[in-house]
Amino acid sequence: MENEAFIPFFIHSFFIALGVILGGALIGGIGAYLTGDPPLSFMFRFANRLKIWALVAAIGGTFDAFSNFERGLFQGASKDLFKQFLVIVSAMGGAQTGWMIIAWLTQEE
C-alpha cells in the first residue's frame, strides 16, 4: 500500500476481491461439473468459502495490514489506521458483491 496511491489501491482491492470470488466459484463449478457433482450448488459453496481468502488477497496479505495497524496504534499514525480500515471495507464490499452475483446466478440461499 505504501508504493501505491490510496484511491487506486482502494479501487483495486474491491475488484481483486470481486475477481477472487467470481473466478474461484466459476472455475470450481467447472471442476464440479467434470467430477459429476452439481455445479451450481458447488459454485455457491465455493463462493462462501472463498470470502476470507478474497479479503486476504485484496489487501495484499496479512502482514502488511498488521504492520499498518501497529503503526496506527503504537506510533500515532491514525491516518494509516483509517486508510487500512477503508481498504478492508472496500475488499469486504468486493467479496460481498461477488458472493451476491454468484447467489443470484445459482439461485441458492
N, C-alpha and C. Protein backbone atom coordinates (compact mmCIF):
# COMPACT_ATOMS: atom_id res chain seq x y z
N MET A 1 0.82 -1.19 0.00
CA MET A 1 0.00 0.00 0.00
C MET A 1 0.86 1.25 0.00
N GLU A 2 2.07 1.17 0.51
CA GLU A 2 2.91 2.34 0.61
C GLU A 2 3.40 2.82 -0.75
N ASN A 3 3.57 1.91 -1.70
CA ASN A 3 4.09 2.28 -3.01
C ASN A 3 3.00 2.74 -3.97
N GLU A 4 1.77 2.64 -3.59
CA GLU A 4 0.65 2.94 -4.46
C GLU A 4 -0.21 4.02 -3.81
N ALA A 5 -0.75 4.90 -4.62
CA ALA A 5 -1.64 5.94 -4.10
C ALA A 5 -2.88 5.28 -3.49
N PHE A 6 -3.50 5.97 -2.56
CA PHE A 6 -4.58 5.36 -1.79
C PHE A 6 -5.82 5.06 -2.63
N ILE A 7 -6.31 6.01 -3.41
CA ILE A 7 -7.56 5.81 -4.17
C ILE A 7 -7.44 4.66 -5.15
N PRO A 8 -6.35 4.57 -5.95
CA PRO A 8 -6.25 3.38 -6.82
C PRO A 8 -6.18 2.07 -6.04
N PHE A 9 -5.49 2.07 -4.90
CA PHE A 9 -5.40 0.86 -4.09
C PHE A 9 -6.77 0.49 -3.52
N PHE A 10 -7.54 1.49 -3.13
CA PHE A 10 -8.90 1.29 -2.62
C PHE A 10 -9.77 0.63 -3.68
N ILE A 11 -9.70 1.13 -4.91
CA ILE A 11 -10.49 0.57 -6.02
C ILE A 11 -9.98 -0.81 -6.40
N HIS A 12 -8.65 -0.98 -6.44
CA HIS A 12 -8.08 -2.28 -6.79
C HIS A 12 -8.49 -3.35 -5.79
N SER A 13 -8.51 -3.01 -4.51
CA SER A 13 -8.86 -4.02 -3.51
C SER A 13 -10.30 -4.51 -3.69
N PHE A 14 -11.20 -3.61 -4.07
CA PHE A 14 -12.58 -4.02 -4.33
C PHE A 14 -12.63 -5.04 -5.47
N PHE A 15 -11.98 -4.70 -6.58
CA PHE A 15 -12.09 -5.56 -7.75
C PHE A 15 -11.26 -6.84 -7.64
N ILE A 16 -10.18 -6.81 -6.87
CA ILE A 16 -9.43 -8.05 -6.64
C ILE A 16 -10.28 -9.03 -5.86
N ALA A 17 -10.93 -8.56 -4.80
CA ALA A 17 -11.81 -9.44 -4.01
C ALA A 17 -12.97 -9.95 -4.86
N LEU A 18 -13.55 -9.08 -5.67
CA LEU A 18 -14.63 -9.48 -6.57
C LEU A 18 -14.15 -10.56 -7.54
N GLY A 19 -12.97 -10.38 -8.10
CA GLY A 19 -12.42 -11.35 -9.04
C GLY A 19 -12.09 -12.68 -8.41
N VAL A 20 -11.61 -12.67 -7.18
CA VAL A 20 -11.30 -13.93 -6.49
C VAL A 20 -12.58 -14.74 -6.29
N ILE A 21 -13.64 -14.08 -5.87
CA ILE A 21 -14.91 -14.79 -5.65
C ILE A 21 -15.48 -15.30 -6.96
N LEU A 22 -15.60 -14.42 -7.95
CA LEU A 22 -16.20 -14.83 -9.22
C LEU A 22 -15.36 -15.89 -9.93
N GLY A 23 -14.08 -15.66 -10.02
CA GLY A 23 -13.20 -16.61 -10.72
C GLY A 23 -13.12 -17.94 -10.01
N GLY A 24 -12.95 -17.90 -8.70
CA GLY A 24 -12.86 -19.15 -7.94
C GLY A 24 -14.14 -19.97 -8.01
N ALA A 25 -15.27 -19.30 -7.89
CA ALA A 25 -16.54 -20.02 -7.93
C ALA A 25 -16.82 -20.58 -9.33
N LEU A 26 -16.55 -19.79 -10.35
CA LEU A 26 -16.80 -20.27 -11.72
C LEU A 26 -15.89 -21.42 -12.11
N ILE A 27 -14.61 -21.31 -11.81
CA ILE A 27 -13.67 -22.39 -12.13
C ILE A 27 -13.97 -23.61 -11.26
N GLY A 28 -14.32 -23.39 -10.00
CA GLY A 28 -14.71 -24.50 -9.13
C GLY A 28 -15.96 -25.20 -9.63
N GLY A 29 -16.89 -24.43 -10.20
CA GLY A 29 -18.10 -25.02 -10.79
C GLY A 29 -17.78 -25.89 -11.98
N ILE A 30 -16.80 -25.50 -12.76
CA ILE A 30 -16.37 -26.34 -13.89
C ILE A 30 -15.78 -27.64 -13.37
N GLY A 31 -14.97 -27.55 -12.31
CA GLY A 31 -14.41 -28.76 -11.71
C GLY A 31 -15.49 -29.66 -11.14
N ALA A 32 -16.51 -29.07 -10.52
CA ALA A 32 -17.61 -29.87 -10.00
C ALA A 32 -18.35 -30.57 -11.14
N TYR A 33 -18.56 -29.87 -12.23
CA TYR A 33 -19.23 -30.47 -13.38
C TYR A 33 -18.43 -31.65 -13.93
N LEU A 34 -17.11 -31.47 -14.02
CA LEU A 34 -16.26 -32.54 -14.57
C LEU A 34 -16.22 -33.78 -13.67
N THR A 35 -16.46 -33.60 -12.39
CA THR A 35 -16.47 -34.75 -11.47
C THR A 35 -17.87 -35.31 -11.24
N GLY A 36 -18.87 -34.74 -11.91
CA GLY A 36 -20.22 -35.27 -11.82
C GLY A 36 -21.05 -34.70 -10.68
N ASP A 37 -20.57 -33.66 -10.03
CA ASP A 37 -21.31 -33.02 -8.94
C ASP A 37 -22.15 -31.88 -9.51
N PRO A 38 -23.17 -31.45 -8.78
CA PRO A 38 -24.00 -30.33 -9.27
C PRO A 38 -23.20 -29.02 -9.25
N PRO A 39 -22.93 -28.43 -10.41
CA PRO A 39 -22.03 -27.27 -10.47
C PRO A 39 -22.58 -26.02 -9.79
N LEU A 40 -23.88 -25.76 -9.90
CA LEU A 40 -24.41 -24.53 -9.31
C LEU A 40 -24.37 -24.57 -7.78
N SER A 41 -24.70 -25.72 -7.21
CA SER A 41 -24.62 -25.84 -5.74
C SER A 41 -23.19 -25.68 -5.26
N PHE A 42 -22.26 -26.28 -5.98
CA PHE A 42 -20.86 -26.18 -5.59
C PHE A 42 -20.33 -24.76 -5.80
N MET A 43 -20.79 -24.08 -6.82
CA MET A 43 -20.36 -22.68 -7.01
C MET A 43 -20.76 -21.82 -5.82
N PHE A 44 -21.97 -22.03 -5.32
CA PHE A 44 -22.43 -21.27 -4.16
C PHE A 44 -21.59 -21.60 -2.93
N ARG A 45 -21.29 -22.88 -2.72
CA ARG A 45 -20.46 -23.28 -1.59
C ARG A 45 -19.05 -22.71 -1.70
N PHE A 46 -18.50 -22.75 -2.92
CA PHE A 46 -17.15 -22.20 -3.12
C PHE A 46 -17.13 -20.71 -2.83
N ALA A 47 -18.14 -20.00 -3.27
CA ALA A 47 -18.20 -18.55 -3.04
C ALA A 47 -18.23 -18.25 -1.54
N ASN A 48 -18.97 -19.05 -0.77
CA ASN A 48 -18.99 -18.87 0.69
C ASN A 48 -17.62 -19.11 1.31
N ARG A 49 -16.93 -20.14 0.84
CA ARG A 49 -15.63 -20.50 1.41
C ARG A 49 -14.53 -19.53 0.99
N LEU A 50 -14.68 -18.88 -0.12
CA LEU A 50 -13.62 -18.02 -0.64
C LEU A 50 -13.65 -16.59 -0.09
N LYS A 51 -14.66 -16.23 0.66
CA LYS A 51 -14.78 -14.84 1.12
C LYS A 51 -13.55 -14.37 1.89
N ILE A 52 -13.09 -15.14 2.86
CA ILE A 52 -11.95 -14.71 3.66
C ILE A 52 -10.68 -14.65 2.83
N TRP A 53 -10.54 -15.56 1.88
CA TRP A 53 -9.34 -15.57 1.03
C TRP A 53 -9.36 -14.40 0.06
N ALA A 54 -10.54 -13.99 -0.35
CA ALA A 54 -10.65 -12.81 -1.21
C ALA A 54 -10.18 -11.57 -0.45
N LEU A 55 -10.53 -11.47 0.82
CA LEU A 55 -10.08 -10.33 1.63
C LEU A 55 -8.57 -10.33 1.77
N VAL A 56 -7.99 -11.49 2.05
CA VAL A 56 -6.54 -11.59 2.22
C VAL A 56 -5.83 -11.23 0.92
N ALA A 57 -6.33 -11.74 -0.19
CA ALA A 57 -5.71 -11.44 -1.48
C ALA A 57 -5.83 -9.96 -1.82
N ALA A 58 -6.95 -9.35 -1.51
CA ALA A 58 -7.19 -7.96 -1.88
C ALA A 58 -6.33 -6.99 -1.08
N ILE A 59 -6.09 -7.28 0.19
CA ILE A 59 -5.29 -6.34 0.98
C ILE A 59 -3.80 -6.64 0.88
N GLY A 60 -3.44 -7.64 0.11
CA GLY A 60 -2.03 -7.91 -0.15
C GLY A 60 -1.36 -8.74 0.92
N GLY A 61 -2.09 -9.56 1.61
CA GLY A 61 -1.52 -10.39 2.67
C GLY A 61 -1.76 -9.78 4.04
N THR A 62 -1.63 -10.57 5.05
CA THR A 62 -1.97 -10.11 6.39
C THR A 62 -0.86 -9.33 7.06
N PHE A 63 0.39 -9.57 6.72
CA PHE A 63 1.49 -8.90 7.43
C PHE A 63 1.50 -7.41 7.18
N ASP A 64 1.23 -6.99 5.96
CA ASP A 64 1.17 -5.56 5.66
C ASP A 64 0.04 -4.88 6.43
N ALA A 65 -1.10 -5.56 6.50
CA ALA A 65 -2.23 -5.00 7.25
C ALA A 65 -1.89 -4.87 8.73
N PHE A 66 -1.23 -5.88 9.30
CA PHE A 66 -0.87 -5.81 10.71
C PHE A 66 0.17 -4.72 10.98
N SER A 67 1.11 -4.56 10.06
CA SER A 67 2.11 -3.50 10.28
C SER A 67 1.46 -2.12 10.20
N ASN A 68 0.49 -1.95 9.32
CA ASN A 68 -0.22 -0.66 9.26
C ASN A 68 -1.04 -0.42 10.52
N PHE A 69 -1.69 -1.47 11.04
CA PHE A 69 -2.44 -1.31 12.29
C PHE A 69 -1.49 -0.99 13.45
N GLU A 70 -0.35 -1.67 13.47
CA GLU A 70 0.62 -1.42 14.54
C GLU A 70 1.12 0.02 14.49
N ARG A 71 1.43 0.49 13.30
CA ARG A 71 1.89 1.87 13.15
C ARG A 71 0.81 2.85 13.59
N GLY A 72 -0.44 2.55 13.25
CA GLY A 72 -1.54 3.43 13.63
C GLY A 72 -1.79 3.46 15.12
N LEU A 73 -1.67 2.30 15.77
CA LEU A 73 -1.96 2.22 17.20
C LEU A 73 -0.80 2.70 18.07
N PHE A 74 0.41 2.24 17.76
CA PHE A 74 1.54 2.48 18.66
C PHE A 74 2.41 3.67 18.28
N GLN A 75 2.35 4.09 17.04
CA GLN A 75 3.18 5.22 16.62
C GLN A 75 2.34 6.46 16.35
N GLY A 76 1.07 6.38 16.62
CA GLY A 76 0.21 7.55 16.49
C GLY A 76 -0.12 7.95 15.07
N ALA A 77 0.05 7.04 14.12
CA ALA A 77 -0.27 7.35 12.72
C ALA A 77 -1.71 6.92 12.45
N SER A 78 -2.64 7.71 12.97
CA SER A 78 -4.05 7.34 12.83
C SER A 78 -4.52 7.41 11.38
N LYS A 79 -3.84 8.20 10.56
CA LYS A 79 -4.20 8.28 9.14
C LYS A 79 -3.99 6.92 8.47
N ASP A 80 -2.87 6.24 8.79
CA ASP A 80 -2.62 4.91 8.22
C ASP A 80 -3.64 3.89 8.70
N LEU A 81 -4.01 4.00 9.95
CA LEU A 81 -5.01 3.10 10.52
C LEU A 81 -6.36 3.27 9.81
N PHE A 82 -6.76 4.50 9.59
CA PHE A 82 -8.02 4.79 8.91
C PHE A 82 -7.98 4.32 7.45
N LYS A 83 -6.85 4.55 6.77
CA LYS A 83 -6.73 4.09 5.38
C LYS A 83 -6.83 2.57 5.30
N GLN A 84 -6.16 1.87 6.21
CA GLN A 84 -6.20 0.41 6.19
C GLN A 84 -7.61 -0.09 6.45
N PHE A 85 -8.32 0.56 7.36
CA PHE A 85 -9.71 0.21 7.63
C PHE A 85 -10.56 0.38 6.37
N LEU A 86 -10.37 1.48 5.64
CA LEU A 86 -11.14 1.70 4.41
C LEU A 86 -10.82 0.67 3.34
N VAL A 87 -9.56 0.27 3.24
CA VAL A 87 -9.18 -0.75 2.26
C VAL A 87 -9.84 -2.09 2.61
N ILE A 88 -9.88 -2.43 3.89
CA ILE A 88 -10.52 -3.68 4.30
C ILE A 88 -12.02 -3.63 4.02
N VAL A 89 -12.64 -2.49 4.26
CA VAL A 89 -14.07 -2.33 3.96
C VAL A 89 -14.31 -2.45 2.45
N SER A 90 -13.42 -1.88 1.65
CA SER A 90 -13.55 -1.99 0.20
C SER A 90 -13.43 -3.44 -0.25
N ALA A 91 -12.47 -4.17 0.31
CA ALA A 91 -12.30 -5.58 -0.05
C ALA A 91 -13.51 -6.40 0.39
N MET A 92 -14.06 -6.09 1.57
CA MET A 92 -15.26 -6.79 2.02
C MET A 92 -16.43 -6.50 1.09
N GLY A 93 -16.53 -5.28 0.60
CA GLY A 93 -17.58 -4.94 -0.35
C GLY A 93 -17.44 -5.70 -1.65
N GLY A 94 -16.21 -5.85 -2.14
CA GLY A 94 -15.98 -6.62 -3.36
C GLY A 94 -16.32 -8.09 -3.18
N ALA A 95 -15.92 -8.65 -2.03
CA ALA A 95 -16.23 -10.06 -1.76
C ALA A 95 -17.73 -10.27 -1.64
N GLN A 96 -18.41 -9.36 -0.96
CA GLN A 96 -19.86 -9.48 -0.80
C GLN A 96 -20.57 -9.31 -2.15
N THR A 97 -20.10 -8.40 -2.97
CA THR A 97 -20.69 -8.22 -4.30
C THR A 97 -20.52 -9.48 -5.14
N GLY A 98 -19.33 -10.07 -5.11
CA GLY A 98 -19.10 -11.31 -5.84
C GLY A 98 -19.99 -12.43 -5.34
N TRP A 99 -20.13 -12.53 -4.02
CA TRP A 99 -20.99 -13.55 -3.44
C TRP A 99 -22.44 -13.34 -3.87
N MET A 100 -22.89 -12.09 -3.89
CA MET A 100 -24.27 -11.82 -4.30
C MET A 100 -24.50 -12.16 -5.77
N ILE A 101 -23.52 -11.91 -6.61
CA ILE A 101 -23.64 -12.26 -8.03
C ILE A 101 -23.74 -13.77 -8.19
N ILE A 102 -22.90 -14.51 -7.46
CA ILE A 102 -22.95 -15.98 -7.52
C ILE A 102 -24.28 -16.50 -6.97
N ALA A 103 -24.74 -15.92 -5.86
CA ALA A 103 -26.04 -16.32 -5.31
C ALA A 103 -27.17 -16.03 -6.29
N TRP A 104 -27.08 -14.93 -6.99
CA TRP A 104 -28.10 -14.60 -7.99
C TRP A 104 -28.04 -15.57 -9.16
N LEU A 105 -26.84 -15.89 -9.61
CA LEU A 105 -26.68 -16.82 -10.75
C LEU A 105 -27.15 -18.23 -10.40
N THR A 106 -26.85 -18.67 -9.20
CA THR A 106 -27.16 -20.05 -8.82
C THR A 106 -28.55 -20.20 -8.21
N GLN A 107 -29.16 -19.10 -7.79
CA GLN A 107 -30.46 -19.12 -7.13
C GLN A 107 -30.46 -19.96 -5.87
N GLU A 108 -29.31 -20.00 -5.20
CA GLU A 108 -29.17 -20.71 -3.93
C GLU A 108 -29.39 -19.72 -2.79
N GLU A 109 -29.70 -20.24 -1.60
CA GLU A 109 -29.86 -19.36 -0.45
C GLU A 109 -29.22 -19.95 0.76
